[in-house]
Amino acid sequence: MSSIAGMLTSHTEDELPDLSTVWLRVFLEVARHGSFTVAARTLGWTQSAVSRQISALESALGGGALFDRLPRGVRLTEAGRSLVPHAEAVSASLRGAARDLAGLRAATGGRLRFGAFATADAALVPQALAAFHARHPRVRVAREEGLSPALLDRLAGGRLDLAVVSTTGRAPLAAYTLHHLLDETLYVAVPAGHPLAAGAGPVRLADLADADWIAGSARPEGTLLDAAVRQGFRPRVAHVVAEWTAKQGYVAAGLGVTLVPALAAASARPDITLLPVRTEDAPPRAVYAATPRGHTPTTATRAFVTALREAAERIPG
C-alpha cells in the first residue's frame, strides 16, 4: 500500500512517528522543485544531505517511497502527494507561531491583564496606560480595580499579569516580585472652613482624635486609618463611603474628615482643604507593581512596568 495511511499501518495511535520539521521542510522543497539538486541549492545544503533527510522521513513513515527517483529529477508517489497538504499545514502553523512569538517579544500583539487599587486609577494608571497604548497599540489590555490583597490573590491565581498595589491592608507582598513605583504621603481632607484649614504646616492625627471620620470601612484596621490606631486612638467612623469623590462630597458638606493619599490629591474638590499629615504619624506608604515570583514576565508586562515608573515620576507627593 503506497498511501500515507498504509505507511502508518505498522504504528498504533500511541506510537505514531515523531516527524522532524526539518524533514518536512526538505520534503516540501524537493516536491516543489522536483529535484534533490535544486532543493539542495535552495536550502544551501549538499545534494547528499537532502537525500539523507528524505530517506530518514521515508523510514520514519514506514519505509515506503515518497518520490520516484528518475533519471532526471524525482516525482511524487501517491504517498508523497498525500503527505504534501499535511506538511504544508505544519509549515504554515509553525510560521504562524513564529509570527505570534515575534509579536509577543516586540509587544506588538498579545495581551496584558492588570489590576490596580482605586486611588492608583486617579492619575498613575491613566498616565501609564496612555503611554503604553501609544507605544503598543495592538496589545489587548484588560483592567480591573480592587483592594491590594484581593488583587494579589488574583495575581497568584494566574488571572492577572501585574497588580498595582500598596502596603495598606497588610498585603502579603513578600510572595511576589515587587517593582517599586513611589512612596506616597497622606493628607487629611477637611471642610474649607475647618479651624485647621488656616494652617499651612503638617497636622498631627491626634489633633483630629475627636473628629467624625469618613472611611471605606467601619473598622480602621487594614485601611489608611490604621495610622490613627498606631497613634493611640480609634477614629470615630461616622460614615462608611467607598468611593473617593463621594468621600470628598461628605467632607465638603461638613460631615467629617477623611484621609486622602497623594495619588488622589490632584482630583481634590475646591471646597475642601488638604493638609499634609506628619510623617511621624503616618509614614508614606509604598506603591508597587507586583508580578508573580518565579514567572517570566511578558514583554508587554515589562513595558507596562516601565510606563508606570515613568508616570510615577510625574506624581507630586
Protein backbone atom coordinates (compact mmCIF):
# COMPACT_ATOMS: atom_id res chain seq x y z
CA MET A 1 0.00 0.00 0.00
CA SER A 2 1.55 3.30 -1.08
CA SER A 3 -0.66 5.84 0.71
CA ILE A 4 0.36 7.64 3.91
CA ALA A 5 -2.27 5.63 5.78
CA GLY A 6 -0.67 2.45 4.53
CA MET A 7 2.79 3.64 5.53
CA LEU A 8 1.48 4.13 9.08
CA THR A 9 -0.34 0.81 9.44
CA SER A 10 2.53 -0.63 11.42
CA HIS A 11 2.10 2.06 14.11
CA THR A 12 -0.61 2.18 16.76
CA GLU A 13 -2.16 5.58 17.56
CA ASP A 14 0.14 5.95 20.58
CA GLU A 15 3.21 5.01 18.52
CA LEU A 16 2.93 7.41 15.58
CA PRO A 17 6.35 8.57 14.34
CA ASP A 18 7.84 11.79 15.68
CA LEU A 19 8.39 13.59 12.40
CA SER A 20 11.16 16.18 12.27
CA THR A 21 10.10 19.59 11.00
CA VAL A 22 13.42 19.65 9.12
CA TRP A 23 12.39 16.54 7.22
CA LEU A 24 9.09 18.15 6.25
CA ARG A 25 10.80 21.35 5.14
CA VAL A 26 13.21 19.40 2.93
CA PHE A 27 10.35 17.26 1.63
CA LEU A 28 8.39 20.35 0.53
CA GLU A 29 11.41 21.85 -1.21
CA VAL A 30 12.05 18.65 -3.14
CA ALA A 31 8.35 18.36 -4.01
CA ARG A 32 8.28 22.00 -5.15
CA HIS A 33 11.32 21.70 -7.42
CA GLY A 34 11.11 18.02 -8.43
CA SER A 35 14.82 17.72 -7.83
CA PHE A 36 17.15 16.87 -4.95
CA THR A 37 19.84 19.02 -6.55
CA VAL A 38 17.71 22.17 -6.92
CA ALA A 39 16.24 21.71 -3.43
CA ALA A 40 19.76 21.39 -2.02
CA ARG A 41 20.81 24.60 -3.79
CA THR A 42 17.74 26.43 -2.40
CA LEU A 43 18.41 25.20 1.13
CA GLY A 44 22.16 25.77 0.96
CA TRP A 45 22.83 22.09 1.58
CA THR A 46 24.59 19.34 -0.33
CA GLN A 47 22.57 17.02 -2.56
CA SER A 48 23.58 14.04 -0.43
CA ALA A 49 22.33 15.77 2.74
CA VAL A 50 18.94 16.35 1.14
CA SER A 51 18.81 12.71 0.01
CA ARG A 52 19.57 11.53 3.56
CA GLN A 53 16.78 13.68 5.02
CA ILE A 54 14.22 12.29 2.57
CA SER A 55 15.37 8.74 3.28
CA ALA A 56 15.03 9.36 7.02
CA LEU A 57 11.48 10.71 6.53
CA GLU A 58 10.52 7.73 4.39
CA SER A 59 11.92 5.37 7.01
CA ALA A 60 10.00 7.12 9.82
CA LEU A 61 6.78 6.74 7.82
CA GLY A 62 7.23 3.03 7.40
CA GLY A 63 9.72 2.65 4.58
CA GLY A 64 7.53 3.46 1.57
CA ALA A 65 8.88 5.81 -1.10
CA LEU A 66 7.70 9.42 -1.18
CA PHE A 67 9.43 10.10 -4.52
CA ASP A 68 10.14 8.05 -7.61
CA ARG A 69 13.83 8.55 -8.38
CA LEU A 70 14.01 9.28 -12.14
CA PRO A 71 16.98 9.71 -14.47
CA ARG A 72 16.30 13.46 -14.43
CA GLY A 73 14.88 14.56 -11.09
CA VAL A 74 12.20 12.99 -8.89
CA ARG A 75 8.41 12.66 -8.95
CA LEU A 76 5.96 12.41 -6.03
CA THR A 77 4.47 9.00 -5.42
CA GLU A 78 0.89 8.59 -4.27
CA ALA A 79 2.16 8.63 -0.67
CA GLY A 80 4.17 11.78 -1.38
CA ARG A 81 1.16 13.55 -2.87
CA SER A 82 -0.87 12.56 0.19
CA LEU A 83 1.79 13.98 2.53
CA VAL A 84 2.07 17.39 0.81
CA PRO A 85 -1.02 19.07 2.35
CA HIS A 86 -0.11 17.80 5.82
CA ALA A 87 3.46 19.07 5.51
CA GLU A 88 2.18 22.43 4.23
CA ALA A 89 -0.23 22.70 7.17
CA VAL A 90 2.57 22.03 9.66
CA SER A 91 4.82 24.55 7.92
CA ALA A 92 2.09 27.21 7.91
CA SER A 93 1.33 26.56 11.57
CA LEU A 94 4.99 26.97 12.53
CA ARG A 95 5.25 30.20 10.55
CA GLY A 96 2.15 31.49 12.37
CA ALA A 97 3.65 30.51 15.72
CA ALA A 98 6.88 32.30 14.83
CA ARG A 99 4.94 35.47 13.94
CA ASP A 100 2.95 35.32 17.19
CA LEU A 101 6.08 34.82 19.27
CA ALA A 102 7.83 37.66 17.47
CA GLY A 103 4.82 39.85 18.23
CA LEU A 104 4.98 38.93 21.91
CA ARG A 105 8.70 39.70 22.05
CA ALA A 106 8.13 43.10 20.46
CA ALA A 107 4.86 43.74 22.36
CA THR A 108 3.12 44.28 19.01
CA GLY A 109 0.48 41.75 19.97
CA GLY A 110 -0.68 39.57 22.84
CA ARG A 111 -2.46 40.76 25.95
CA LEU A 112 -1.91 42.49 29.28
CA ARG A 113 -4.15 41.78 32.28
CA PHE A 114 -3.60 44.07 35.24
CA GLY A 115 -5.36 45.33 38.34
CA ALA A 116 -4.93 48.44 40.48
CA PHE A 117 -6.25 49.82 43.75
CA ALA A 118 -8.72 52.68 43.48
CA THR A 119 -6.54 55.77 44.03
CA ALA A 120 -3.90 54.49 41.61
CA ASP A 121 -6.61 54.88 38.96
CA ALA A 122 -6.85 58.62 39.69
CA ALA A 123 -3.61 59.62 37.95
CA LEU A 124 -0.87 56.96 37.98
CA VAL A 125 -2.60 54.24 35.96
CA PRO A 126 -4.26 56.53 33.35
CA GLN A 127 -0.96 58.26 32.57
CA ALA A 128 0.89 54.95 32.31
CA LEU A 129 -1.84 53.37 30.22
CA ALA A 130 -1.90 56.28 27.77
CA ALA A 131 1.86 55.98 27.23
CA PHE A 132 1.62 52.19 26.90
CA HIS A 133 -1.21 52.42 24.32
CA ALA A 134 0.81 54.91 22.26
CA ARG A 135 3.80 52.56 22.15
CA HIS A 136 1.97 49.22 21.88
CA PRO A 137 -1.45 49.88 20.33
CA ARG A 138 -2.07 46.26 19.32
CA VAL A 139 -1.71 44.74 22.80
CA ARG A 140 -5.12 43.80 24.21
CA VAL A 141 -5.49 45.30 27.69
CA ALA A 142 -7.87 44.10 30.41
CA ARG A 143 -8.01 46.13 33.64
CA GLU A 144 -9.77 45.64 36.96
CA GLU A 145 -9.96 47.51 40.26
CA GLY A 146 -9.76 46.13 43.78
CA LEU A 147 -8.06 46.16 47.15
CA SER A 148 -4.41 45.16 47.21
CA PRO A 149 -4.88 41.77 49.00
CA ALA A 150 -7.60 40.73 46.55
CA LEU A 151 -5.51 41.79 43.56
CA LEU A 152 -2.55 39.79 44.85
CA ASP A 153 -4.78 36.72 45.20
CA ARG A 154 -5.80 37.06 41.56
CA LEU A 155 -2.16 37.55 40.57
CA ALA A 156 -1.20 34.36 42.40
CA GLY A 157 -4.07 32.52 40.70
CA GLY A 158 -2.82 33.44 37.23
CA ARG A 159 -5.78 35.71 36.46
CA LEU A 160 -3.60 38.84 36.31
CA ASP A 161 -0.17 39.52 34.82
CA LEU A 162 0.52 42.52 37.05
CA ALA A 163 -1.07 44.30 40.02
CA VAL A 164 -0.52 47.88 41.19
CA VAL A 165 -0.67 47.50 44.98
CA SER A 166 0.26 49.36 48.15
CA THR A 167 1.39 48.46 51.65
CA THR A 168 -2.07 49.43 53.01
CA GLY A 169 -4.13 46.49 54.20
CA ARG A 170 -1.14 44.42 55.31
CA ALA A 171 -1.00 42.69 51.94
CA PRO A 172 1.38 39.66 51.81
CA LEU A 173 3.86 41.35 49.50
CA ALA A 174 6.82 39.07 50.27
CA ALA A 175 5.47 36.33 47.99
CA TYR A 176 5.74 38.48 44.83
CA THR A 177 8.32 40.24 42.72
CA LEU A 178 7.93 43.94 43.53
CA HIS A 179 8.82 46.84 41.24
CA HIS A 180 8.87 49.97 43.40
CA LEU A 181 6.97 52.89 41.88
CA LEU A 182 6.73 55.57 44.59
CA ASP A 183 6.33 56.33 48.28
CA GLU A 184 3.02 58.08 48.80
CA THR A 185 2.38 60.66 51.50
CA LEU A 186 -1.02 61.11 53.16
CA TYR A 187 -3.25 64.15 53.52
CA VAL A 188 -6.27 64.75 55.70
CA ALA A 189 -9.19 66.40 53.90
CA VAL A 190 -11.17 68.90 56.00
CA PRO A 191 -14.01 71.28 55.06
CA ALA A 192 -12.77 74.62 53.77
CA GLY A 193 -13.95 76.39 56.95
CA HIS A 194 -12.36 73.94 59.38
CA PRO A 195 -10.18 75.54 62.11
CA LEU A 196 -7.12 73.58 60.92
CA ALA A 197 -7.62 74.71 57.32
CA ALA A 198 -5.93 78.04 58.06
CA GLY A 199 -2.66 76.36 58.98
CA ALA A 200 -0.03 75.69 56.35
CA GLY A 201 2.06 73.06 58.08
CA PRO A 202 1.59 69.31 58.57
CA VAL A 203 -1.01 68.23 61.13
CA ARG A 204 -0.95 65.55 63.79
CA LEU A 205 -3.59 62.86 63.58
CA ALA A 206 -4.11 63.27 67.32
CA ASP A 207 -5.41 66.78 66.62
CA LEU A 208 -8.38 65.07 64.92
CA ALA A 209 -9.00 62.42 67.57
CA ASP A 210 -12.43 63.86 68.34
CA ALA A 211 -13.47 64.36 64.71
CA ASP A 212 -16.04 62.39 62.77
CA TRP A 213 -14.32 60.39 60.05
CA ILE A 214 -15.40 59.35 56.57
CA ALA A 215 -13.83 55.96 55.76
CA GLY A 216 -14.19 52.99 53.48
CA SER A 217 -14.75 50.62 56.39
CA ALA A 218 -16.22 50.85 59.86
CA ARG A 219 -13.05 49.23 61.18
CA PRO A 220 -9.78 51.16 60.78
CA GLU A 221 -7.59 48.06 60.76
CA GLY A 222 -6.22 47.31 57.31
CA THR A 223 -7.16 50.78 56.00
CA LEU A 224 -5.43 54.16 55.87
CA LEU A 225 -6.83 54.84 59.34
CA ASP A 226 -4.51 52.18 60.73
CA ALA A 227 -2.14 55.13 61.21
CA ALA A 228 -4.54 56.66 63.74
CA VAL A 229 -4.75 53.41 65.69
CA ARG A 230 -0.96 53.39 65.90
CA GLN A 231 -1.16 56.92 67.36
CA GLY A 232 -3.23 55.60 70.26
CA PHE A 233 -6.83 56.44 69.34
CA ARG A 234 -9.62 54.78 67.40
CA PRO A 235 -11.17 57.16 64.89
CA ARG A 236 -14.93 57.57 65.17
CA VAL A 237 -16.16 56.47 61.74
CA ALA A 238 -19.39 58.39 61.22
CA HIS A 239 -19.95 57.43 57.57
CA VAL A 240 -18.72 54.45 55.57
CA VAL A 241 -18.18 55.58 51.98
CA ALA A 242 -16.17 53.55 49.46
CA GLU A 243 -15.62 55.92 46.52
CA TRP A 244 -13.09 58.76 46.73
CA THR A 245 -15.11 61.51 45.10
CA ALA A 246 -18.06 60.63 47.34
CA LYS A 247 -15.84 60.89 50.43
CA GLN A 248 -14.87 64.39 49.33
CA GLY A 249 -18.53 65.31 48.99
CA TYR A 250 -19.19 64.24 52.58
CA VAL A 251 -16.20 66.28 53.77
CA ALA A 252 -17.33 69.36 51.80
CA ALA A 253 -20.77 69.06 53.43
CA GLY A 254 -19.14 69.22 56.87
CA LEU A 255 -19.97 65.63 57.78
CA GLY A 256 -16.45 64.68 58.79
CA VAL A 257 -12.82 64.44 57.67
CA THR A 258 -11.03 61.75 55.66
CA LEU A 259 -7.54 60.65 54.73
CA VAL A 260 -6.52 61.16 51.11
CA PRO A 261 -3.44 59.54 49.52
CA ALA A 262 -1.18 61.68 47.34
CA LEU A 263 -2.31 59.73 44.25
CA ALA A 264 -5.83 61.11 44.73
CA ALA A 265 -4.79 64.63 45.81
CA ALA A 266 -4.78 66.05 42.29
CA SER A 267 -8.52 65.37 41.97
CA ALA A 268 -9.46 67.15 45.22
CA ARG A 269 -12.55 69.39 45.16
CA PRO A 270 -12.01 73.14 45.52
CA ASP A 271 -14.34 73.34 48.55
CA ILE A 272 -12.17 71.10 50.75
CA THR A 273 -8.66 71.63 52.09
CA LEU A 274 -5.93 69.01 52.05
CA LEU A 275 -3.50 69.15 54.95
CA PRO A 276 -0.33 67.01 54.91
CA VAL A 277 -0.11 64.55 57.78
CA ARG A 278 3.12 64.46 59.73
CA THR A 279 5.28 61.62 58.51
CA GLU A 280 5.90 60.59 62.13
CA ASP A 281 2.16 59.93 62.42
CA ALA A 282 1.62 58.34 59.02
CA PRO A 283 4.78 57.21 57.22
CA PRO A 284 4.50 57.27 53.42
CA ARG A 285 3.05 54.05 52.03
CA ALA A 286 4.94 52.26 49.28
CA VAL A 287 3.28 51.61 45.93
CA TYR A 288 4.49 48.73 43.78
CA ALA A 289 3.86 46.97 40.52
CA ALA A 290 3.73 43.32 41.61
CA THR A 291 4.32 40.32 39.35
CA PRO A 292 4.29 36.60 40.24
CA ARG A 293 7.60 35.44 41.66
CA GLY A 294 9.28 32.76 39.56
CA HIS A 295 7.31 33.64 36.40
CA THR A 296 8.99 35.21 33.39
CA PRO A 297 7.06 38.43 32.71
CA THR A 298 5.86 39.01 29.17
CA THR A 299 7.32 41.82 27.09
CA ALA A 300 4.00 43.68 27.47
CA THR A 301 4.21 43.36 31.26
CA ARG A 302 7.77 44.71 31.34
CA ALA A 303 6.76 47.57 29.06
CA PHE A 304 3.84 48.47 31.33
CA VAL A 305 6.12 48.48 34.40
CA THR A 306 8.33 50.98 32.54
CA ALA A 307 5.30 53.15 31.74
CA LEU A 308 4.17 53.01 35.39
CA ARG A 309 7.61 54.10 36.61
CA GLU A 310 7.66 56.99 34.18
CA ALA A 311 4.18 58.08 35.31
CA ALA A 312 5.17 57.75 38.99
CA GLU A 313 7.99 60.25 38.49
CA ARG A 314 5.39 62.85 37.49
CA ILE A 315 3.16 62.33 40.54
CA PRO A 316 3.70 65.04 43.22
CA GLY A 317 3.97 63.96 46.84
